[in-house]
């Protein structure tokens, strides 16, 4: 496992909460995505999406969100969060 994988596998919750500390980043990114994405339902690949923060928000808006990341722990975390929100996201490991 690479140093990068180890880093992101350690604390998925920390990566999830990172955007709580930077709400402007979350708001600006979502605004930009909503401006340029086609209307749902369409498939939008979240490549390197970590714990799925954006995937989950967009899935709740009707997008189908395949999520890929190199961190198995982030993907597991994302699946759990999606389950809590009663939505489905597909996840896979990047290698």
PDB file of N, CA and C in Angstrom:
ATOM      1  N   UNK A   1       0.856  -1.177   0.000  1.00  0.00           N
ATOM      2  CA  UNK A   1       0.000   0.000   0.000  1.00  0.00           C
ATOM      3  C   UNK A   1       0.904   1.243   0.000  1.00  0.00           C
ATOM      4  N   UNK A   2       0.549   2.219  -0.805  1.00  0.00           N
ATOM      5  CA  UNK A   2       1.369   3.420  -0.907  1.00  0.00           C
ATOM      6  C   UNK A   2       1.167   4.335   0.303  1.00  0.00           C
ATOM      7  N   UNK A   3       2.068   5.288   0.452  1.00  0.00           N
ATOM      8  CA  UNK A   3       1.948   6.265   1.531  1.00  0.00           C
ATOM      9  C   UNK A   3       0.649   7.063   1.385  1.00  0.00           C
ATOM     10  N   UNK A   4       0.270   7.341   0.160  1.00  0.00           N
ATOM     11  CA  UNK A   4      -0.960   8.110  -0.072  1.00  0.00           C
ATOM     12  C   UNK A   4      -2.174   7.298   0.356  1.00  0.00           C
ATOM     13  N   UNK A   5      -2.223   6.036  -0.023  1.00  0.00           N
ATOM     14  CA  UNK A   5      -3.319   5.168   0.402  1.00  0.00           C
ATOM     15  C   UNK A   5      -3.389   5.093   1.921  1.00  0.00           C
ATOM     16  N   UNK A   6      -2.241   4.904   2.542  1.00  0.00           N
ATOM     17  CA  UNK A   6      -2.198   4.839   4.008  1.00  0.00           C
ATOM     18  C   UNK A   6      -2.732   6.118   4.639  1.00  0.00           C
ATOM     19  N   UNK A   7      -2.339   7.258   4.101  1.00  0.00           N
ATOM     20  CA  UNK A   7      -2.779   8.536   4.642  1.00  0.00           C
ATOM     21  C   UNK A   7      -4.306   8.645   4.608  1.00  0.00           C
ATOM     22  N   UNK A   8      -4.907   8.362   3.443  1.00  0.00           N
ATOM     23  CA  UNK A   8      -6.356   8.511   3.322  1.00  0.00           C
ATOM     24  C   UNK A   8      -7.128   7.374   3.984  1.00  0.00           C
ATOM     25  N   UNK A   9      -6.521   6.214   4.115  1.00  0.00           N
ATOM     26  CA  UNK A   9      -7.193   5.106   4.792  1.00  0.00           C
ATOM     27  C   UNK A   9      -7.299   5.326   6.297  1.00  0.00           C
ATOM     28  N   UNK A  10      -6.427   6.163   6.858  1.00  0.00           N
ATOM     29  CA  UNK A  10      -6.392   6.349   8.309  1.00  0.00           C
ATOM     30  C   UNK A  10      -7.654   6.980   8.875  1.00  0.00           C
ATOM     31  N   UNK A  11      -8.115   8.057   8.270  1.00  0.00           N
ATOM     32  CA  UNK A  11      -9.188   8.836   8.897  1.00  0.00           C
ATOM     33  C   UNK A  11     -10.225   9.335   7.883  1.00  0.00           C
ATOM     34  N   UNK A  12     -11.093   8.454   7.393  1.00  0.00           N
ATOM     35  CA  UNK A  12     -12.125   8.905   6.458  1.00  0.00           C
ATOM     36  C   UNK A  12     -13.022  10.002   7.043  1.00  0.00           C
ATOM     37  N   UNK A  13     -13.301   9.926   8.339  1.00  0.00           N
ATOM     38  CA  UNK A  13     -14.160  10.943   8.963  1.00  0.00           C
ATOM     39  C   UNK A  13     -13.499  12.319   8.907  1.00  0.00           C
ATOM     40  N   UNK A  14     -12.196  12.360   9.086  1.00  0.00           N
ATOM     41  CA  UNK A  14     -11.477  13.634   9.007  1.00  0.00           C
ATOM     42  C   UNK A  14     -11.617  14.236   7.613  1.00  0.00           C
ATOM     43  N   UNK A  15     -11.498  13.413   6.586  1.00  0.00           N
ATOM     44  CA  UNK A  15     -11.657  13.911   5.212  1.00  0.00           C
ATOM     45  C   UNK A  15     -13.099  14.338   4.964  1.00  0.00           C
ATOM     46  N   UNK A  16     -14.068  13.612   5.494  1.00  0.00           N
ATOM     47  CA  UNK A  16     -15.479  13.980   5.369  1.00  0.00           C
ATOM     48  C   UNK A  16     -15.725  15.350   6.005  1.00  0.00           C
ATOM     49  N   UNK A  17     -15.178  15.552   7.200  1.00  0.00           N
ATOM     50  CA  UNK A  17     -15.410  16.798   7.945  1.00  0.00           C
ATOM     51  C   UNK A  17     -14.573  17.974   7.445  1.00  0.00           C
ATOM     52  N   UNK A  18     -13.592  17.695   6.611  1.00  0.00           N
ATOM     53  CA  UNK A  18     -12.718  18.762   6.095  1.00  0.00           C
ATOM     54  C   UNK A  18     -13.539  19.887   5.467  1.00  0.00           C
ATOM     55  N   UNK A  19     -14.586  19.541   4.757  1.00  0.00           N
ATOM     56  CA  UNK A  19     -15.397  20.560   4.108  1.00  0.00           C
ATOM     57  C   UNK A  19     -16.264  21.341   5.090  1.00  0.00           C
ATOM     58  N   UNK A  20     -16.453  20.817   6.292  1.00  0.00           N
ATOM     59  CA  UNK A  20     -17.139  21.591   7.325  1.00  0.00           C
ATOM     60  C   UNK A  20     -16.289  22.791   7.736  1.00  0.00           C
ATOM     61  N   UNK A  21     -14.970  22.606   7.670  1.00  0.00           N
ATOM     62  CA  UNK A  21     -14.051  23.695   8.008  1.00  0.00           C
ATOM     63  C   UNK A  21     -13.910  24.698   6.868  1.00  0.00           C
ATOM     64  N   UNK A  22     -14.310  24.290   5.668  1.00  0.00           N
ATOM     65  CA  UNK A  22     -14.202  25.149   4.479  1.00  0.00           C
ATOM     66  C   UNK A  22     -15.540  25.168   3.741  1.00  0.00           C
ATOM     67  N   UNK A  23     -16.571  25.712   4.368  1.00  0.00           N
ATOM     68  CA  UNK A  23     -17.895  25.685   3.743  1.00  0.00           C
ATOM     69  C   UNK A  23     -17.951  26.435   2.417  1.00  0.00           C
ATOM     70  N   UNK A  24     -17.070  27.418   2.241  1.00  0.00           N
ATOM     71  CA  UNK A  24     -17.059  28.151   0.981  1.00  0.00           C
ATOM     72  C   UNK A  24     -16.619  27.232  -0.161  1.00  0.00           C
ATOM     73  N   UNK A  25     -15.645  26.359   0.107  1.00  0.00           N
ATOM     74  CA  UNK A  25     -15.201  25.402  -0.911  1.00  0.00           C
ATOM     75  C   UNK A  25     -16.361  24.504  -1.340  1.00  0.00           C
ATOM     76  N   UNK A  26     -17.087  23.995  -0.359  1.00  0.00           N
ATOM     77  CA  UNK A  26     -18.231  23.135  -0.651  1.00  0.00           C
ATOM     78  C   UNK A  26     -19.274  23.889  -1.469  1.00  0.00           C
ATOM     79  N   UNK A  27     -19.619  25.091  -1.051  1.00  0.00           N
ATOM     80  CA  UNK A  27     -20.648  25.873  -1.730  1.00  0.00           C
ATOM     81  C   UNK A  27     -20.246  26.245  -3.158  1.00  0.00           C
ATOM     82  N   UNK A  28     -19.020  26.695  -3.331  1.00  0.00           N
ATOM     83  CA  UNK A  28     -18.565  27.104  -4.668  1.00  0.00           C
ATOM     84  C   UNK A  28     -18.478  25.900  -5.603  1.00  0.00           C
ATOM     85  N   UNK A  29     -17.959  24.797  -5.094  1.00  0.00           N
ATOM     86  CA  UNK A  29     -17.860  23.598  -5.927  1.00  0.00           C
ATOM     87  C   UNK A  29     -19.236  23.110  -6.343  1.00  0.00           C
ATOM     88  N   UNK A  30     -20.166  23.049  -5.399  1.00  0.00           N
ATOM     89  CA  UNK A  30     -21.522  22.602  -5.730  1.00  0.00           C
ATOM     90  C   UNK A  30     -22.204  23.560  -6.699  1.00  0.00           C
ATOM     91  N   UNK A  31     -22.007  24.837  -6.511  1.00  0.00           N
ATOM     92  CA  UNK A  31     -22.601  25.818  -7.425  1.00  0.00           C
ATOM     93  C   UNK A  31     -22.068  25.610  -8.841  1.00  0.00           C
ATOM     94  N   UNK A  32     -20.763  25.396  -8.953  1.00  0.00           N
ATOM     95  CA  UNK A  32     -20.153  25.191 -10.266  1.00  0.00           C
ATOM     96  C   UNK A  32     -20.643  23.884 -10.886  1.00  0.00           C
ATOM     97  N   UNK A  33     -20.670  22.826 -10.105  1.00  0.00           N
ATOM     98  CA  UNK A  33     -21.165  21.553 -10.625  1.00  0.00           C
ATOM     99  C   UNK A  33     -22.597  21.687 -11.128  1.00  0.00           C
ATOM    100  N   UNK A  34     -23.436  22.308 -10.339  1.00  0.00           N
ATOM    101  CA  UNK A  34     -24.848  22.458 -10.728  1.00  0.00           C
ATOM    102  C   UNK A  34     -25.005  23.311 -11.978  1.00  0.00           C
ATOM    103  N   UNK A  35     -24.100  24.245 -12.171  1.00  0.00           N
ATOM    104  CA  UNK A  35     -24.156  25.102 -13.360  1.00  0.00           C
ATOM    105  C   UNK A  35     -23.813  24.331 -14.632  1.00  0.00           C
ATOM    106  N   UNK A  36     -22.870  23.402 -14.542  1.00  0.00           N
ATOM    107  CA  UNK A  36     -22.355  22.747 -15.735  1.00  0.00           C
ATOM    108  C   UNK A  36     -22.830  21.314 -15.949  1.00  0.00           C
ATOM    109  N   UNK A  37     -23.313  20.658 -14.923  1.00  0.00           N
ATOM    110  CA  UNK A  37     -23.792  19.295 -15.097  1.00  0.00           C
ATOM    111  C   UNK A  37     -25.133  19.294 -15.817  1.00  0.00           C
ATOM    112  N   UNK A  38     -25.371  18.267 -16.635  1.00  0.00           N
ATOM    113  CA  UNK A  38     -26.711  18.139 -17.213  1.00  0.00           C
ATOM    114  C   UNK A  38     -27.701  17.802 -16.103  1.00  0.00           C
ATOM    115  N   UNK A  39     -28.972  18.045 -16.340  1.00  0.00           N
ATOM    116  CA  UNK A  39     -29.952  17.742 -15.289  1.00  0.00           C
ATOM    117  C   UNK A  39     -30.036  16.233 -15.029  1.00  0.00           C
ATOM    118  N   UNK A  40     -30.336  15.875 -13.784  1.00  0.00           N
ATOM    119  CA  UNK A  40     -30.478  14.454 -13.470  1.00  0.00           C
ATOM    120  C   UNK A  40     -31.736  13.889 -14.128  1.00  0.00           C
ATOM    121  N   UNK A  41     -31.789  12.603 -14.309  1.00  0.00           N
ATOM    122  CA  UNK A  41     -30.838  11.572 -13.903  1.00  0.00           C
ATOM    123  C   UNK A  41     -29.811  11.296 -15.007  1.00  0.00           C
ATOM    124  N   UNK A  42     -28.561  11.383 -14.672  1.00  0.00           N
ATOM    125  CA  UNK A  42     -27.446  10.967 -15.527  1.00  0.00           C
ATOM    126  C   UNK A  42     -26.365  10.389 -14.620  1.00  0.00           C
ATOM    127  N   UNK A  43     -25.447   9.629 -15.227  1.00  0.00           N
ATOM    128  CA  UNK A  43     -24.314   9.091 -14.473  1.00  0.00           C
ATOM    129  C   UNK A  43     -23.218  10.143 -14.415  1.00  0.00           C
ATOM    130  N   UNK A  44     -22.717  10.415 -13.222  1.00  0.00           N
ATOM    131  CA  UNK A  44     -21.604  11.333 -13.018  1.00  0.00           C
ATOM    132  C   UNK A  44     -20.539  10.591 -12.225  1.00  0.00           C
ATOM    133  N   UNK A  45     -19.372  10.380 -12.803  1.00  0.00           N
ATOM    134  CA  UNK A  45     -18.293   9.681 -12.125  1.00  0.00           C
ATOM    135  C   UNK A  45     -17.575  10.626 -11.171  1.00  0.00           C
ATOM    136  N   UNK A  46     -17.542  10.260  -9.907  1.00  0.00           N
ATOM    137  CA  UNK A  46     -16.770  11.005  -8.909  1.00  0.00           C
ATOM    138  C   UNK A  46     -15.451  10.265  -8.752  1.00  0.00           C
ATOM    139  N   UNK A  47     -14.443  10.715  -9.458  1.00  0.00           N
ATOM    140  CA  UNK A  47     -13.139  10.062  -9.488  1.00  0.00           C
ATOM    141  C   UNK A  47     -12.238  10.682  -8.437  1.00  0.00           C
ATOM    142  N   UNK A  48     -11.816   9.881  -7.470  1.00  0.00           N
ATOM    143  CA  UNK A  48     -11.019  10.401  -6.356  1.00  0.00           C
ATOM    144  C   UNK A  48     -11.875  11.124  -5.343  1.00  0.00           C
ATOM    145  N   UNK A  49     -13.125  10.681  -5.215  1.00  0.00           N
ATOM    146  CA  UNK A  49     -14.102  11.368  -4.373  1.00  0.00           C
ATOM    147  C   UNK A  49     -14.019  11.077  -2.893  1.00  0.00           C
ATOM    148  N   UNK A  50     -13.015  10.306  -2.482  1.00  0.00           N
ATOM    149  CA  UNK A  50     -12.812  10.075  -1.052  1.00  0.00           C
ATOM    150  C   UNK A  50     -14.026   9.516  -0.359  1.00  0.00           C
ATOM    151  N   UNK A  51     -14.468  10.154   0.730  1.00  0.00           N
ATOM    152  CA  UNK A  51     -15.579   9.628   1.517  1.00  0.00           C
ATOM    153  C   UNK A  51     -16.953   9.918   0.910  1.00  0.00           C
ATOM    154  N   UNK A  52     -16.976  10.501  -0.283  1.00  0.00           N
ATOM    155  CA  UNK A  52     -18.231  10.642  -1.009  1.00  0.00           C
ATOM    156  C   UNK A  52     -19.079  11.851  -0.693  1.00  0.00           C
ATOM    157  N   UNK A  53     -18.502  12.872  -0.140  1.00  0.00           N
ATOM    158  CA  UNK A  53     -19.297  14.048   0.247  1.00  0.00           C
ATOM    159  C   UNK A  53     -20.098  14.611  -0.928  1.00  0.00           C
ATOM    160  N   UNK A  54     -19.415  14.854  -2.045  1.00  0.00           N
ATOM    161  CA  UNK A  54     -20.107  15.391  -3.218  1.00  0.00           C
ATOM    162  C   UNK A  54     -21.019  14.347  -3.845  1.00  0.00           C
ATOM    163  N   UNK A  55     -20.570  13.096  -3.897  1.00  0.00           N
ATOM    164  CA  UNK A  55     -21.390  12.030  -4.481  1.00  0.00           C
ATOM    165  C   UNK A  55     -22.727  11.911  -3.770  1.00  0.00           C
ATOM    166  N   UNK A  56     -22.695  11.976  -2.469  1.00  0.00           N
ATOM    167  CA  UNK A  56     -23.920  11.813  -1.695  1.00  0.00           C
ATOM    168  C   UNK A  56     -24.860  12.996  -1.903  1.00  0.00           C
ATOM    169  N   UNK A  57     -24.324  14.185  -1.903  1.00  0.00           N
ATOM    170  CA  UNK A  57     -25.161  15.371  -2.141  1.00  0.00           C
ATOM    171  C   UNK A  57     -25.811  15.292  -3.514  1.00  0.00           C
ATOM    172  N   UNK A  58     -25.021  14.962  -4.531  1.00  0.00           N
ATOM    173  CA  UNK A  58     -25.556  14.911  -5.894  1.00  0.00           C
ATOM    174  C   UNK A  58     -26.499  13.727  -6.090  1.00  0.00           C
ATOM    175  N   UNK A  59     -26.225  12.608  -5.436  1.00  0.00           N
ATOM    176  CA  UNK A  59     -27.134  11.464  -5.527  1.00  0.00           C
ATOM    177  C   UNK A  59     -28.503  11.823  -4.943  1.00  0.00           C
ATOM    178  N   UNK A  60     -28.510  12.607  -3.882  1.00  0.00           N
ATOM    179  CA  UNK A  60     -29.778  13.038  -3.281  1.00  0.00           C
ATOM    180  C   UNK A  60     -30.560  13.940  -4.241  1.00  0.00           C
ATOM    181  N   UNK A  61     -29.846  14.552  -5.191  1.00  0.00           N
ATOM    182  CA  UNK A  61     -30.496  15.412  -6.180  1.00  0.00           C
ATOM    183  C   UNK A  61     -30.927  14.628  -7.417  1.00  0.00           C
ATOM    184  N   UNK A  62     -30.655  13.317  -7.429  1.00  0.00           N
ATOM    185  CA  UNK A  62     -31.131  12.480  -8.522  1.00  0.00           C
ATOM    186  C   UNK A  62     -30.072  11.987  -9.488  1.00  0.00           C
ATOM    187  N   UNK A  63     -28.812  12.352  -9.271  1.00  0.00           N
ATOM    188  CA  UNK A  63     -27.739  11.856 -10.133  1.00  0.00           C
ATOM    189  C   UNK A  63     -27.374  10.434  -9.720  1.00  0.00           C
ATOM    190  N   UNK A  64     -26.944   9.628 -10.691  1.00  0.00           N
ATOM    191  CA  UNK A  64     -26.384   8.311 -10.405  1.00  0.00           C
ATOM    192  C   UNK A  64     -24.883   8.512 -10.269  1.00  0.00           C
ATOM    193  N   UNK A  65     -24.334   8.133  -9.124  1.00  0.00           N
ATOM    194  CA  UNK A  65     -22.974   8.526  -8.769  1.00  0.00           C
ATOM    195  C   UNK A  65     -22.033   7.342  -8.561  1.00  0.00           C
ATOM    196  N   UNK A  66     -21.367   6.874  -9.616  1.00  0.00           N
ATOM    197  CA  UNK A  66     -20.269   5.946  -9.386  1.00  0.00           C
ATOM    198  C   UNK A  66     -19.124   6.699  -8.696  1.00  0.00           C
ATOM    199  N   UNK A  67     -18.597   6.146  -7.635  1.00  0.00           N
ATOM    200  CA  UNK A  67     -17.531   6.774  -6.852  1.00  0.00           C
ATOM    201  C   UNK A  67     -16.306   5.877  -6.891  1.00  0.00           C
ATOM    202  N   UNK A  68     -15.183   6.427  -7.297  1.00  0.00           N
ATOM    203  CA  UNK A  68     -13.929   5.680  -7.348  1.00  0.00           C
ATOM    204  C   UNK A  68     -12.907   6.400  -6.476  1.00  0.00           C
ATOM    205  N   UNK A  69     -12.132   5.622  -5.731  1.00  0.00           N
ATOM    206  CA  UNK A  69     -11.084   6.194  -4.904  1.00  0.00           C
ATOM    207  C   UNK A  69     -10.034   5.130  -4.627  1.00  0.00           C
ATOM    208  N   UNK A  70      -8.828   5.546  -4.275  1.00  0.00           N
ATOM    209  CA  UNK A  70      -7.786   4.573  -3.959  1.00  0.00           C
ATOM    210  C   UNK A  70      -7.855   4.104  -2.511  1.00  0.00           C
ATOM    211  N   UNK A  71      -8.681   4.725  -1.703  1.00  0.00           N
ATOM    212  CA  UNK A  71      -8.806   4.372  -0.293  1.00  0.00           C
ATOM    213  C   UNK A  71     -10.021   3.482  -0.052  1.00  0.00           C
ATOM    214  N   UNK A  72      -9.764   2.236   0.297  1.00  0.00           N
ATOM    215  CA  UNK A  72     -10.853   1.308   0.614  1.00  0.00           C
ATOM    216  C   UNK A  72     -11.656   1.800   1.820  1.00  0.00           C
ATOM    217  N   UNK A  73     -10.996   2.399   2.782  1.00  0.00           N
ATOM    218  CA  UNK A  73     -11.706   2.891   3.975  1.00  0.00           C
ATOM    219  C   UNK A  73     -12.611   4.066   3.650  1.00  0.00           C
ATOM    220  N   UNK A  74     -12.186   4.937   2.738  1.00  0.00           N
ATOM    221  CA  UNK A  74     -13.057   6.040   2.320  1.00  0.00           C
ATOM    222  C   UNK A  74     -14.283   5.512   1.595  1.00  0.00           C
ATOM    223  N   UNK A  75     -14.100   4.506   0.753  1.00  0.00           N
ATOM    224  CA  UNK A  75     -15.244   3.930   0.041  1.00  0.00           C
ATOM    225  C   UNK A  75     -16.210   3.253   1.008  1.00  0.00           C
ATOM    226  N   UNK A  76     -15.684   2.545   1.972  1.00  0.00           N
ATOM    227  CA  UNK A  76     -16.531   1.919   2.993  1.00  0.00           C
ATOM    228  C   UNK A  76     -17.315   2.988   3.756  1.00  0.00           C
ATOM    229  N   UNK A  77     -16.624   4.066   4.111  1.00  0.00           N
ATOM    230  CA  UNK A  77     -17.264   5.185   4.801  1.00  0.00           C
ATOM    231  C   UNK A  77     -18.374   5.784   3.928  1.00  0.00           C
ATOM    232  N   UNK A  78     -18.082   5.976   2.646  1.00  0.00           N
ATOM    233  CA  UNK A  78     -19.066   6.556   1.723  1.00  0.00           C
ATOM    234  C   UNK A  78     -20.300   5.665   1.614  1.00  0.00           C
ATOM    235  N   UNK A  79     -20.102   4.368   1.528  1.00  0.00           N
ATOM    236  CA  UNK A  79     -21.242   3.450   1.454  1.00  0.00           C
ATOM    237  C   UNK A  79     -22.105   3.544   2.712  1.00  0.00           C
ATOM    238  N   UNK A  80     -21.461   3.663   3.867  1.00  0.00           N
ATOM    239  CA  UNK A  80     -22.209   3.775   5.119  1.00  0.00           C
ATOM    240  C   UNK A  80     -22.997   5.083   5.162  1.00  0.00           C
ATOM    241  N   UNK A  81     -22.358   6.175   4.770  1.00  0.00           N
ATOM    242  CA  UNK A  81     -23.057   7.474   4.747  1.00  0.00           C
ATOM    243  C   UNK A  81     -24.236   7.436   3.775  1.00  0.00           C
ATOM    244  N   UNK A  82     -24.025   6.821   2.619  1.00  0.00           N
ATOM    245  CA  UNK A  82     -25.105   6.723   1.628  1.00  0.00           C
ATOM    246  C   UNK A  82     -26.266   5.898   2.193  1.00  0.00           C
ATOM    247  N   UNK A  83     -25.932   4.824   2.879  1.00  0.00           N
ATOM    248  CA  UNK A  83     -26.970   3.991   3.497  1.00  0.00           C
ATOM    249  C   UNK A  83     -27.764   4.795   4.519  1.00  0.00           C
ATOM    250  N   UNK A  84     -27.070   5.588   5.327  1.00  0.00           N
ATOM    251  CA  UNK A  84     -27.746   6.440   6.320  1.00  0.00           C
ATOM    252  C   UNK A  84     -28.696   7.432   5.645  1.00  0.00           C
ATOM    253  N   UNK A  85     -28.307   7.904   4.468  1.00  0.00           N
ATOM    254  CA  UNK A  85     -29.124   8.875   3.724  1.00  0.00           C
ATOM    255  C   UNK A  85     -30.184   8.194   2.849  1.00  0.00           C
ATOM    256  N   UNK A  86     -30.159   6.837   2.863  1.00  0.00           N
ATOM    257  CA  UNK A  86     -31.099   6.039   2.071  1.00  0.00           C
ATOM    258  C   UNK A  86     -30.956   6.307   0.572  1.00  0.00           C
ATOM    259  N   UNK A  87     -29.719   6.402   0.138  1.00  0.00           N
ATOM    260  CA  UNK A  87     -29.420   6.553  -1.286  1.00  0.00           C
ATOM    261  C   UNK A  87     -28.394   5.501  -1.679  1.00  0.00           C
ATOM    262  N   UNK A  88     -28.195   5.350  -2.986  1.00  0.00           N
ATOM    263  CA  UNK A  88     -27.246   4.364  -3.477  1.00  0.00           C
ATOM    264  C   UNK A  88     -26.130   5.072  -4.231  1.00  0.00           C
ATOM    265  N   UNK A  89     -24.906   4.738  -3.886  1.00  0.00           N
ATOM    266  CA  UNK A  89     -23.763   5.123  -4.711  1.00  0.00           C
ATOM    267  C   UNK A  89     -22.960   3.852  -4.981  1.00  0.00           C
ATOM    268  N   UNK A  90     -22.414   3.782  -6.179  1.00  0.00           N
ATOM    269  CA  UNK A  90     -21.583   2.630  -6.531  1.00  0.00           C
ATOM    270  C   UNK A  90     -20.154   3.036  -6.212  1.00  0.00           C
ATOM    271  N   UNK A  91     -19.348   2.130  -5.689  1.00  0.00           N
ATOM    272  CA  UNK A  91     -17.979   2.478  -5.339  1.00  0.00           C
ATOM    273  C   UNK A  91     -17.001   1.422  -5.793  1.00  0.00           C
ATOM    274  N   UNK A  92     -15.806   1.886  -6.142  1.00  0.00           N
ATOM    275  CA  UNK A  92     -14.759   0.975  -6.558  1.00  0.00           C
ATOM    276  C   UNK A  92     -13.392   1.526  -6.216  1.00  0.00           C
ATOM    277  N   UNK A  93     -12.430   0.626  -6.147  1.00  0.00           N
ATOM    278  CA  UNK A  93     -11.051   0.977  -5.804  1.00  0.00           C
ATOM    279  C   UNK A  93     -10.284   1.325  -7.074  1.00  0.00           C
ATOM    280  N   UNK A  94      -9.528   2.414  -7.014  1.00  0.00           N
ATOM    281  CA  UNK A  94      -8.606   2.771  -8.100  1.00  0.00           C
ATOM    282  C   UNK A  94      -7.293   2.080  -7.851  1.00  0.00           C
ATOM    283  N   UNK A  95      -6.761   1.432  -8.823  1.00  0.00           N
ATOM    284  CA  UNK A  95      -5.437   0.809  -8.708  1.00  0.00           C
ATOM    285  C   UNK A  95      -4.637   1.101  -9.951  1.00  0.00           C
TER     286      UNK A  95
END
